[in-house]
PDB file of all heavy atoms in Angstrom:
ATOM      1  N   THR A   1      56.882 159.454  92.682  1.00  0.00           N
ATOM      2  CA  THR A   1      55.474 159.426  93.070  1.00  0.00           C
ATOM      3  C   THR A   1      54.771 158.280  92.347  1.00  0.00           C
ATOM      4  O   THR A   1      55.067 157.993  91.185  1.00  0.00           O
ATOM      5  CB  THR A   1      54.752 160.745  92.725  1.00  0.00           C
ATOM      6  OG1 THR A   1      54.863 160.997  91.323  1.00  0.00           O
ATOM      7  CG2 THR A   1      55.342 161.902  93.494  1.00  0.00           C
ATOM      8  N   LEU A   2      53.855 157.631  93.049  1.00  0.00           N
ATOM      9  CA  LEU A   2      53.012 156.599  92.470  1.00  0.00           C
ATOM     10  C   LEU A   2      51.571 156.930  92.816  1.00  0.00           C
ATOM     11  O   LEU A   2      51.183 156.913  93.986  1.00  0.00           O
ATOM     12  CB  LEU A   2      53.382 155.215  93.004  1.00  0.00           C
ATOM     13  CG  LEU A   2      52.526 154.042  92.516  1.00  0.00           C
ATOM     14  CD1 LEU A   2      52.640 153.908  91.000  1.00  0.00           C
ATOM     15  CD2 LEU A   2      52.948 152.749  93.194  1.00  0.00           C
ATOM     16  N   ASP A   3      50.779 157.269  91.806  1.00  0.00           N
ATOM     17  CA  ASP A   3      49.390 157.690  91.978  1.00  0.00           C
ATOM     18  C   ASP A   3      48.496 156.670  91.283  1.00  0.00           C
ATOM     19  O   ASP A   3      48.585 156.493  90.069  1.00  0.00           O
ATOM     20  CB  ASP A   3      49.201 159.088  91.362  1.00  0.00           C
ATOM     21  CG  ASP A   3      47.842 159.687  91.668  1.00  0.00           C
ATOM     22  OD1 ASP A   3      47.167 159.236  92.606  1.00  0.00           O
ATOM     23  OD2 ASP A   3      47.453 160.618  90.942  1.00  0.00           O
ATOM     24  N   ILE A   4      47.620 156.001  92.032  1.00  0.00           N
ATOM     25  CA  ILE A   4      46.793 154.938  91.474  1.00  0.00           C
ATOM     26  C   ILE A   4      45.341 155.168  91.864  1.00  0.00           C
ATOM     27  O   ILE A   4      45.049 155.459  93.031  1.00  0.00           O
ATOM     28  CB  ILE A   4      47.284 153.548  91.940  1.00  0.00           C
ATOM     29  CG1 ILE A   4      46.414 152.427  91.389  1.00  0.00           C
ATOM     30  CG2 ILE A   4      47.346 153.461  93.446  1.00  0.00           C
ATOM     31  CD1 ILE A   4      46.983 151.049  91.649  1.00  0.00           C
ATOM     32  N   ASP A   5      44.420 155.071  90.886  1.00  0.00           N
ATOM     33  CA  ASP A   5      43.009 155.257  91.226  1.00  0.00           C
ATOM     34  C   ASP A   5      42.408 153.944  91.701  1.00  0.00           C
ATOM     35  O   ASP A   5      42.965 152.866  91.517  1.00  0.00           O
ATOM     36  CB  ASP A   5      42.222 155.867  90.060  1.00  0.00           C
ATOM     37  CG  ASP A   5      42.059 154.947  88.873  1.00  0.00           C
ATOM     38  OD1 ASP A   5      41.656 153.782  89.051  1.00  0.00           O
ATOM     39  OD2 ASP A   5      42.332 155.388  87.742  1.00  0.00           O
ATOM     40  N   ILE A   6      41.240 154.035  92.339  1.00  0.00           N
ATOM     41  CA  ILE A   6      40.656 152.884  93.015  1.00  0.00           C
ATOM     42  C   ILE A   6      40.283 151.771  92.039  1.00  0.00           C
ATOM     43  O   ILE A   6      40.366 150.585  92.374  1.00  0.00           O
ATOM     44  CB  ILE A   6      39.433 153.328  93.861  1.00  0.00           C
ATOM     45  CG1 ILE A   6      38.997 152.203  94.789  1.00  0.00           C
ATOM     46  CG2 ILE A   6      38.304 153.802  92.974  1.00  0.00           C
ATOM     47  CD1 ILE A   6      37.958 152.636  95.800  1.00  0.00           C
ATOM     48  N   GLU A   7      39.884 152.131  90.820  1.00  0.00           N
ATOM     49  CA  GLU A   7      39.542 151.104  89.842  1.00  0.00           C
ATOM     50  C   GLU A   7      40.774 150.304  89.449  1.00  0.00           C
ATOM     51  O   GLU A   7      40.746 149.071  89.368  1.00  0.00           O
ATOM     52  CB  GLU A   7      38.906 151.744  88.602  1.00  0.00           C
ATOM     53  CG  GLU A   7      37.558 152.397  88.870  1.00  0.00           C
ATOM     54  CD  GLU A   7      36.531 151.402  89.403  1.00  0.00           C
ATOM     55  OE1 GLU A   7      36.535 150.236  88.954  1.00  0.00           O
ATOM     56  OE2 GLU A   7      35.730 151.798  90.265  1.00  0.00           O
ATOM     57  N   ASN A   8      41.868 150.992  89.204  1.00  0.00           N
ATOM     58  CA  ASN A   8      43.104 150.298  88.851  1.00  0.00           C
ATOM     59  C   ASN A   8      43.730 149.588  90.045  1.00  0.00           C
ATOM     60  O   ASN A   8      44.458 148.610  89.875  1.00  0.00           O
ATOM     61  CB  ASN A   8      44.086 151.277  88.220  1.00  0.00           C
ATOM     62  CG  ASN A   8      43.722 151.604  86.789  1.00  0.00           C
ATOM     63  OD1 ASN A   8      43.317 150.734  86.028  1.00  0.00           O
ATOM     64  ND2 ASN A   8      43.838 152.867  86.410  1.00  0.00           N
ATOM     65  N   LEU A   9      43.440 150.068  91.261  1.00  0.00           N
ATOM     66  CA  LEU A   9      43.855 149.326  92.456  1.00  0.00           C
ATOM     67  C   LEU A   9      43.197 147.950  92.452  1.00  0.00           C
ATOM     68  O   LEU A   9      43.842 146.935  92.773  1.00  0.00           O
ATOM     69  CB  LEU A   9      43.468 150.095  93.719  1.00  0.00           C
ATOM     70  CG  LEU A   9      43.715 149.358  95.043  1.00  0.00           C
ATOM     71  CD1 LEU A   9      45.206 149.113  95.264  1.00  0.00           C
ATOM     72  CD2 LEU A   9      43.120 150.146  96.210  1.00  0.00           C
ATOM     73  N   GLY A  10      41.921 147.902  92.074  1.00  0.00           N
ATOM     74  CA  GLY A  10      41.236 146.624  91.981  1.00  0.00           C
ATOM     75  C   GLY A  10      41.864 145.716  90.941  1.00  0.00           C
ATOM     76  O   GLY A  10      42.064 144.518  91.176  1.00  0.00           O
ATOM     77  N   LEU A  11      42.202 146.271  89.782  1.00  0.00           N
ATOM     78  CA  LEU A  11      42.843 145.477  88.730  1.00  0.00           C
ATOM     79  C   LEU A  11      44.204 144.952  89.191  1.00  0.00           C
ATOM     80  O   LEU A  11      44.538 143.783  88.974  1.00  0.00           O
ATOM     81  CB  LEU A  11      43.018 146.326  87.474  1.00  0.00           C
ATOM     82  CG  LEU A  11      41.759 146.722  86.704  1.00  0.00           C
ATOM     83  CD1 LEU A  11      42.117 147.673  85.569  1.00  0.00           C
ATOM     84  CD2 LEU A  11      41.034 145.497  86.167  1.00  0.00           C
ATOM     85  N   LEU A  12      44.989 145.826  89.816  1.00  0.00           N
ATOM     86  CA  LEU A  12      46.309 145.426  90.287  1.00  0.00           C
ATOM     87  C   LEU A  12      46.196 144.345  91.359  1.00  0.00           C
ATOM     88  O   LEU A  12      46.984 143.390  91.390  1.00  0.00           O
ATOM     89  CB  LEU A  12      47.052 146.643  90.837  1.00  0.00           C
ATOM     90  CG  LEU A  12      48.485 146.418  91.336  1.00  0.00           C
ATOM     91  CD1 LEU A  12      49.357 145.809  90.255  1.00  0.00           C
ATOM     92  CD2 LEU A  12      49.078 147.725  91.838  1.00  0.00           C
ATOM     93  N   THR A  13      45.207 144.482  92.237  1.00  0.00           N
ATOM     94  CA  THR A  13      44.980 143.477  93.277  1.00  0.00           C
ATOM     95  C   THR A  13      44.747 142.100  92.663  1.00  0.00           C
ATOM     96  O   THR A  13      45.325 141.098  93.096  1.00  0.00           O
ATOM     97  CB  THR A  13      43.778 143.875  94.148  1.00  0.00           C
ATOM     98  OG1 THR A  13      44.077 145.083  94.850  1.00  0.00           O
ATOM     99  CG2 THR A  13      43.449 142.784  95.159  1.00  0.00           C
ATOM    100  N   ASP A  14      43.904 142.046  91.637  1.00  0.00           N
ATOM    101  CA  ASP A  14      43.629 140.762  90.984  1.00  0.00           C
ATOM    102  C   ASP A  14      44.868 140.208  90.289  1.00  0.00           C
ATOM    103  O   ASP A  14      45.117 138.994  90.303  1.00  0.00           O
ATOM    104  CB  ASP A  14      42.479 140.918  89.982  1.00  0.00           C
ATOM    105  CG  ASP A  14      41.132 141.093  90.664  1.00  0.00           C
ATOM    106  OD1 ASP A  14      40.985 140.646  91.820  1.00  0.00           O
ATOM    107  OD2 ASP A  14      40.218 141.694  90.049  1.00  0.00           O
ATOM    108  N   LEU A  15      45.666 141.087  89.684  1.00  0.00           N
ATOM    109  CA  LEU A  15      46.899 140.637  89.038  1.00  0.00           C
ATOM    110  C   LEU A  15      47.876 140.035  90.042  1.00  0.00           C
ATOM    111  O   LEU A  15      48.635 139.118  89.718  1.00  0.00           O
ATOM    112  CB  LEU A  15      47.567 141.805  88.306  1.00  0.00           C
ATOM    113  CG  LEU A  15      46.894 142.291  87.019  1.00  0.00           C
ATOM    114  CD1 LEU A  15      47.556 143.567  86.534  1.00  0.00           C
ATOM    115  CD2 LEU A  15      46.958 141.219  85.938  1.00  0.00           C
ATOM    116  N   LEU A  16      47.837 140.546  91.280  1.00  0.00           N
ATOM    117  CA  LEU A  16      48.737 140.066  92.329  1.00  0.00           C
ATOM    118  C   LEU A  16      48.162 138.872  93.089  1.00  0.00           C
ATOM    119  O   LEU A  16      48.794 138.361  94.021  1.00  0.00           O
ATOM    120  CB  LEU A  16      49.055 141.195  93.315  1.00  0.00           C
ATOM    121  CG  LEU A  16      49.892 142.356  92.764  1.00  0.00           C
ATOM    122  CD1 LEU A  16      49.917 143.512  93.750  1.00  0.00           C
ATOM    123  CD2 LEU A  16      51.306 141.900  92.441  1.00  0.00           C
ATOM    124  N   GLY A  17      46.960 138.443  92.720  1.00  0.00           N
ATOM    125  CA  GLY A  17      46.356 137.302  93.397  1.00  0.00           C
ATOM    126  C   GLY A  17      45.631 137.640  94.676  1.00  0.00           C
ATOM    127  O   GLY A  17      45.356 136.759  95.502  1.00  0.00           O
ATOM    128  N   GLY A  18      45.293 138.920  94.882  1.00  0.00           N
ATOM    129  CA  GLY A  18      44.577 139.351  96.079  1.00  0.00           C
ATOM    130  C   GLY A  18      45.492 139.999  97.098  1.00  0.00           C
ATOM    131  O   GLY A  18      46.720 139.848  97.046  1.00  0.00           O
ATOM    132  N   LEU A  19      44.889 140.737  98.042  1.00  0.00           N
ATOM    133  CA  LEU A  19      45.630 141.380  99.127  1.00  0.00           C
ATOM    134  C   LEU A  19      45.166 140.815 100.458  1.00  0.00           C
ATOM    135  O   LEU A  19      43.968 140.685 100.706  1.00  0.00           O
ATOM    136  CB  LEU A  19      45.424 142.901  99.110  1.00  0.00           C
ATOM    137  CG  LEU A  19      45.862 143.654  97.861  1.00  0.00           C
ATOM    138  CD1 LEU A  19      45.690 145.154  98.067  1.00  0.00           C
ATOM    139  CD2 LEU A  19      47.308 143.326  97.498  1.00  0.00           C
ATOM    140  N   ASN A  20      46.121 140.499 101.318  1.00  0.00           N
ATOM    141  CA  ASN A  20      45.817 139.905 102.620  1.00  0.00           C
ATOM    142  C   ASN A  20      45.693 140.992 103.678  1.00  0.00           C
ATOM    143  O   ASN A  20      46.654 141.701 103.971  1.00  0.00           O
ATOM    144  CB  ASN A  20      46.914 138.913 103.003  1.00  0.00           C
ATOM    145  CG  ASN A  20      46.566 138.108 104.236  1.00  0.00           C
ATOM    146  OD1 ASN A  20      46.982 138.444 105.338  1.00  0.00           O
ATOM    147  ND2 ASN A  20      45.806 137.041 104.048  1.00  0.00           N
ATOM    148  N   VAL A  21      44.491 141.134 104.242  1.00  0.00           N
ATOM    149  CA  VAL A  21      44.240 142.162 105.254  1.00  0.00           C
ATOM    150  C   VAL A  21      43.436 141.561 106.410  1.00  0.00           C
ATOM    151  O   VAL A  21      42.843 140.487 106.282  1.00  0.00           O
ATOM    152  CB  VAL A  21      43.465 143.369 104.675  1.00  0.00           C
ATOM    153  CG1 VAL A  21      44.248 144.053 103.574  1.00  0.00           C
ATOM    154  CG2 VAL A  21      42.089 142.936 104.167  1.00  0.00           C
ATOM    155  N   LEU A  22      43.407 142.273 107.527  1.00  0.00           N
ATOM    156  CA  LEU A  22      42.631 141.851 108.685  1.00  0.00           C
ATOM    157  C   LEU A  22      41.346 142.670 108.747  1.00  0.00           C
ATOM    158  O   LEU A  22      41.378 143.896 108.833  1.00  0.00           O
ATOM    159  CB  LEU A  22      43.439 142.044 109.966  1.00  0.00           C
ATOM    160  CG  LEU A  22      42.710 141.725 111.277  1.00  0.00           C
ATOM    161  CD1 LEU A  22      42.287 140.257 111.318  1.00  0.00           C
ATOM    162  CD2 LEU A  22      43.585 142.066 112.480  1.00  0.00           C
ATOM    163  N   VAL A  23      40.206 141.972 108.702  1.00  0.00           N
ATOM    164  CA  VAL A  23      38.897 142.606 108.867  1.00  0.00           C
ATOM    165  C   VAL A  23      38.414 142.226 110.266  1.00  0.00           C
ATOM    166  O   VAL A  23      38.166 141.044 110.544  1.00  0.00           O
ATOM    167  CB  VAL A  23      37.883 142.131 107.801  1.00  0.00           C
ATOM    168  CG1 VAL A  23      36.544 142.838 107.983  1.00  0.00           C
ATOM    169  CG2 VAL A  23      38.432 142.366 106.400  1.00  0.00           C
ATOM    170  N   TYR A  24      38.303 143.210 111.149  1.00  0.00           N
ATOM    171  CA  TYR A  24      38.061 142.916 112.562  1.00  0.00           C
ATOM    172  C   TYR A  24      36.688 142.306 112.821  1.00  0.00           C
ATOM    173  O   TYR A  24      36.526 141.468 113.708  1.00  0.00           O
ATOM    174  CB  TYR A  24      38.232 144.196 113.390  1.00  0.00           C
ATOM    175  CG  TYR A  24      39.662 144.672 113.447  1.00  0.00           C
ATOM    176  CD1 TYR A  24      40.093 145.742 112.663  1.00  0.00           C
ATOM    177  CD2 TYR A  24      40.592 144.041 114.270  1.00  0.00           C
ATOM    178  CE1 TYR A  24      41.418 146.164 112.704  1.00  0.00           C
ATOM    179  CE2 TYR A  24      41.910 144.459 114.323  1.00  0.00           C
ATOM    180  CZ  TYR A  24      42.320 145.527 113.532  1.00  0.00           C
ATOM    181  OH  TYR A  24      43.623 145.932 113.555  1.00  0.00           O
ATOM    182  N   SER A  25      35.681 142.717 112.074  1.00  0.00           N
ATOM    183  CA  SER A  25      34.338 142.161 112.243  1.00  0.00           C
ATOM    184  C   SER A  25      33.628 142.165 110.896  1.00  0.00           C
ATOM    185  O   SER A  25      33.987 142.953 110.004  1.00  0.00           O
ATOM    186  CB  SER A  25      33.540 142.977 113.264  1.00  0.00           C
ATOM    187  OG  SER A  25      33.447 144.337 112.872  1.00  0.00           O
ATOM    188  N   PRO A  26      32.641 141.278 110.704  1.00  0.00           N
ATOM    189  CA  PRO A  26      31.949 141.226 109.412  1.00  0.00           C
ATOM    190  C   PRO A  26      31.312 142.575 109.064  1.00  0.00           C
ATOM    191  O   PRO A  26      30.842 143.310 109.944  1.00  0.00           O
ATOM    192  CB  PRO A  26      30.874 140.152 109.633  1.00  0.00           C
ATOM    193  CG  PRO A  26      31.349 139.358 110.796  1.00  0.00           C
ATOM    194  CD  PRO A  26      32.109 140.312 111.668  1.00  0.00           C
ATOM    195  N   VAL A  27      31.325 142.891 107.779  1.00  0.00           N
ATOM    196  CA  VAL A  27      30.751 144.152 107.315  1.00  0.00           C
ATOM    197  C   VAL A  27      29.537 143.857 106.442  1.00  0.00           C
ATOM    198  O   VAL A  27      29.616 143.097 105.473  1.00  0.00           O
ATOM    199  CB  VAL A  27      31.787 144.974 106.501  1.00  0.00           C
ATOM    200  CG1 VAL A  27      31.135 146.235 105.931  1.00  0.00           C
ATOM    201  CG2 VAL A  27      32.979 145.326 107.372  1.00  0.00           C
ATOM    202  N   ASP A  28      28.412 144.427 106.809  1.00  0.00           N
ATOM    203  CA  ASP A  28      27.183 144.355 106.017  1.00  0.00           C
ATOM    204  C   ASP A  28      26.508 145.710 106.173  1.00  0.00           C
ATOM    205  O   ASP A  28      25.786 145.953 107.143  1.00  0.00           O
ATOM    206  CB  ASP A  28      26.275 143.225 106.500  1.00  0.00           C
ATOM    207  CG  ASP A  28      25.048 143.046 105.605  1.00  0.00           C
ATOM    208  OD1 ASP A  28      24.809 143.907 104.730  1.00  0.00           O
ATOM    209  OD2 ASP A  28      24.326 142.051 105.787  1.00  0.00           O
ATOM    210  N   ALA A  29      26.798 146.614 105.251  1.00  0.00           N
ATOM    211  CA  ALA A  29      26.338 147.991 105.379  1.00  0.00           C
ATOM    212  C   ALA A  29      25.916 148.539 104.024  1.00  0.00           C
ATOM    213  O   ALA A  29      26.254 147.991 102.975  1.00  0.00           O
ATOM    214  CB  ALA A  29      27.444 148.869 105.977  1.00  0.00           C
ATOM    215  N   VAL A  30      25.157 149.625 104.072  1.00  0.00           N
ATOM    216  CA  VAL A  30      24.695 150.305 102.866  1.00  0.00           C
ATOM    217  C   VAL A  30      25.277 151.715 102.867  1.00  0.00           C
ATOM    218  O   VAL A  30      25.180 152.442 103.868  1.00  0.00           O
ATOM    219  CB  VAL A  30      23.155 150.363 102.799  1.00  0.00           C
ATOM    220  CG1 VAL A  30      22.708 151.123 101.555  1.00  0.00           C
ATOM    221  CG2 VAL A  30      22.574 148.954 102.799  1.00  0.00           C
ATOM    222  N   GLY A  31      25.897 152.104 101.758  1.00  0.00           N
ATOM    223  CA  GLY A  31      26.506 153.423 101.646  1.00  0.00           C
ATOM    224  C   GLY A  31      25.502 154.520 101.392  1.00  0.00           C
ATOM    225  O   GLY A  31      24.298 154.284 101.233  1.00  0.00           O
ATOM    226  N   GLU A  32      26.009 155.762 101.335  1.00  0.00           N
ATOM    227  CA  GLU A  32      25.148 156.928 101.157  1.00  0.00           C
ATOM    228  C   GLU A  32      24.363 156.889  99.853  1.00  0.00           C
ATOM    229  O   GLU A  32      23.258 157.424  99.759  1.00  0.00           O
ATOM    230  CB  GLU A  32      25.995 158.210 101.213  1.00  0.00           C
ATOM    231  CG  GLU A  32      26.643 158.465 102.572  1.00  0.00           C
ATOM    232  CD  GLU A  32      27.468 159.731 102.560  1.00  0.00           C
ATOM    233  OE1 GLU A  32      27.605 160.345 101.476  1.00  0.00           O
ATOM    234  OE2 GLU A  32      27.981 160.119 103.629  1.00  0.00           O
ATOM    235  N   ASN A  33      24.945 156.260  98.832  1.00  0.00           N
ATOM    236  CA  ASN A  33      24.290 156.203  97.525  1.00  0.00           C
ATOM    237  C   ASN A  33      23.591 154.866  97.277  1.00  0.00           C
ATOM    238  O   ASN A  33      23.256 154.530  96.143  1.00  0.00           O
ATOM    239  CB  ASN A  33      25.321 156.455  96.417  1.00  0.00           C
ATOM    240  CG  ASN A  33      25.950 157.823  96.530  1.00  0.00           C
ATOM    241  OD1 ASN A  33      25.260 158.813  96.797  1.00  0.00           O
ATOM    242  ND2 ASN A  33      27.271 157.897  96.354  1.00  0.00           N
ATOM    243  N   GLY A  34      23.392 154.102  98.361  1.00  0.00           N
ATOM    244  CA  GLY A  34      22.678 152.844  98.244  1.00  0.00           C
ATOM    245  C   GLY A  34      23.538 151.643  97.914  1.00  0.00           C
ATOM    246  O   GLY A  34      23.018 150.525  97.785  1.00  0.00           O
ATOM    247  N   GLU A  35      24.857 151.830  97.797  1.00  0.00           N
ATOM    248  CA  GLU A  35      25.736 150.711  97.483  1.00  0.00           C
ATOM    249  C   GLU A  35      25.854 149.783  98.694  1.00  0.00           C
ATOM    250  O   GLU A  35      25.837 150.230  99.833  1.00  0.00           O
ATOM    251  CB  GLU A  35      27.123 151.197  97.051  1.00  0.00           C
ATOM    252  CG  GLU A  35      27.905 151.976  98.085  1.00  0.00           C
ATOM    253  CD  GLU A  35      27.608 153.468  98.084  1.00  0.00           C
ATOM    254  OE1 GLU A  35      26.469 153.858  97.786  1.00  0.00           O
ATOM    255  OE2 GLU A  35      28.528 154.240  98.402  1.00  0.00           O
ATOM    256  N   ARG A  36      25.945 148.476  98.452  1.00  0.00           N
ATOM    257  CA  ARG A  36      26.012 147.475  99.513  1.00  0.00           C
ATOM    258  C   ARG A  36      27.461 147.084  99.763  1.00  0.00           C
ATOM    259  O   ARG A  36      28.190 146.754  98.824  1.00  0.00           O
ATOM    260  CB  ARG A  36      25.204 146.238  99.105  1.00  0.00           C
ATOM    261  CG  ARG A  36      25.031 145.209 100.221  1.00  0.00           C
ATOM    262  CD  ARG A  36      23.998 145.655 101.222  1.00  0.00           C
ATOM    263  NE  ARG A  36      23.761 144.648 102.247  1.00  0.00           N
ATOM    264  CZ  ARG A  36      22.876 143.665 102.118  1.00  0.00           C
ATOM    265  NH1 ARG A  36      22.170 143.548 101.002  1.00  0.00           N
ATOM    266  NH2 ARG A  36      22.680 142.810 103.107  1.00  0.00           N
TER     267      ARG A  36
END
């Protein structure tokens, strides 16, 4: 099993030089707690 929390996912991503993904359309949204 490999269990990783979202904060450490961010750290690991930076250590790997980023993750390549497809974003279908630009995202500009505000979350339930006001996060952008």
